[in-house]
């Protein structure tokens, strides 16, 4: 991808006298789209044969050892490693397997659990073995069918959103739209990169080079900057719009200062993005991906604004994971109980998975409580799984508890 960007950079940089602006815009859009699809196709081909590894580490909750068979050409998912293990796990490659032979490998496995990470193109092989399949990221969209006044009236929104909007008014924020290259440079180096560093620290995380954002400008991207009452920028988002949808792809806070979040700097770019979209007659605001765990802070923050989890064809976030737990108990049971998540079924519908030790714990009152707490537009149904039935081998019954 970066080599394609460099190629586009060399061609586009010849200047507007050689290439008109419309041609430069079309060329970079073509290279970007082609590069994304090419990258995915190459990855799908490589995943015909996947690496098999043994992952072992101590449970973050109990201190017990967990042994996982990982089938993936990529490293163990970092977000899962952080949630599962007390420290970085040991990973040792033990072989390779053709993707079509995954069900057979699961049958022969004797580890605590089995995790597959691959492109959703191969999803049918995971469902074939009745694995719990979930996306690495889910897209969330706000449908701007309600006028913006809907968000400022306490009777219509959650107390948290109403409080955020009152904070925005208190600090007298405003917004500006810009495609000035110096402001984009400032956003990238003073907002986006510092916030990524603050949130993720030394963990490996891909961040695009500045030239990528520079030439997204040629593809029509714009910058929405949040200004304080002295007209100084405090946060912003870099976005692209079509007649029907606004896509927010990068967000940042000045110097990665998380105290500005308490002063409404992040809430402000959500609020003013909605305001901008409504003013332009745009029907949807896509705020990007989040991890598929109900307890994830970013998911909860976006959910409170009324965002909807949307289906994807895999173009944006093609990676999925398949989780298989042997029907004889697993050290991962407590992890799953503590971390309900959003999965996808055979028809690509989103399903909320919730776990219990015993069937008797799944009462009508418990279901109602979970529905009130986690119900999110775009999630078709909740599925409640009890490990006592699962351990008894009643897999069909376990998967039918709705």
Foldseek 3Di string as FASTA:
>chain_A
DVVLLVVLCVVLVVDCVVPPLLRNLVVVVVSVLVVLVVVQVVQQVVLQKWWWKWKWAAFLPPRDIFIEIETHPDPDDPVVCVLGHPDHIDIGTDGMDGLLCVLVVQVVDDGQKYKYKGFCVSVVSLVVNPFFKAFQKFWWKDFLPDDLVLQCDPVRAPPVSNVLVVLCVVQVKDKDKALDLVVLVCCVPFWQVLLCCVVPPPDDDDDDDSSVVNSVVSNPKMKMFIATPVRHTFWIFIWHDDLAEIETDTITGGNSPCVVVVSNNVVVHVSVVSVVCVVSVHGMYIDDIDGFWLPDPVNVVSQSVQIAGAFDPLSVRRMMMTMGGQLADHPCQVVQQVTWGWTADPVRQIEIEHEEADPVVPDPVVVVVCCVSRPHHRHPYYAYAHSVCSNVVVVVVRRPHD
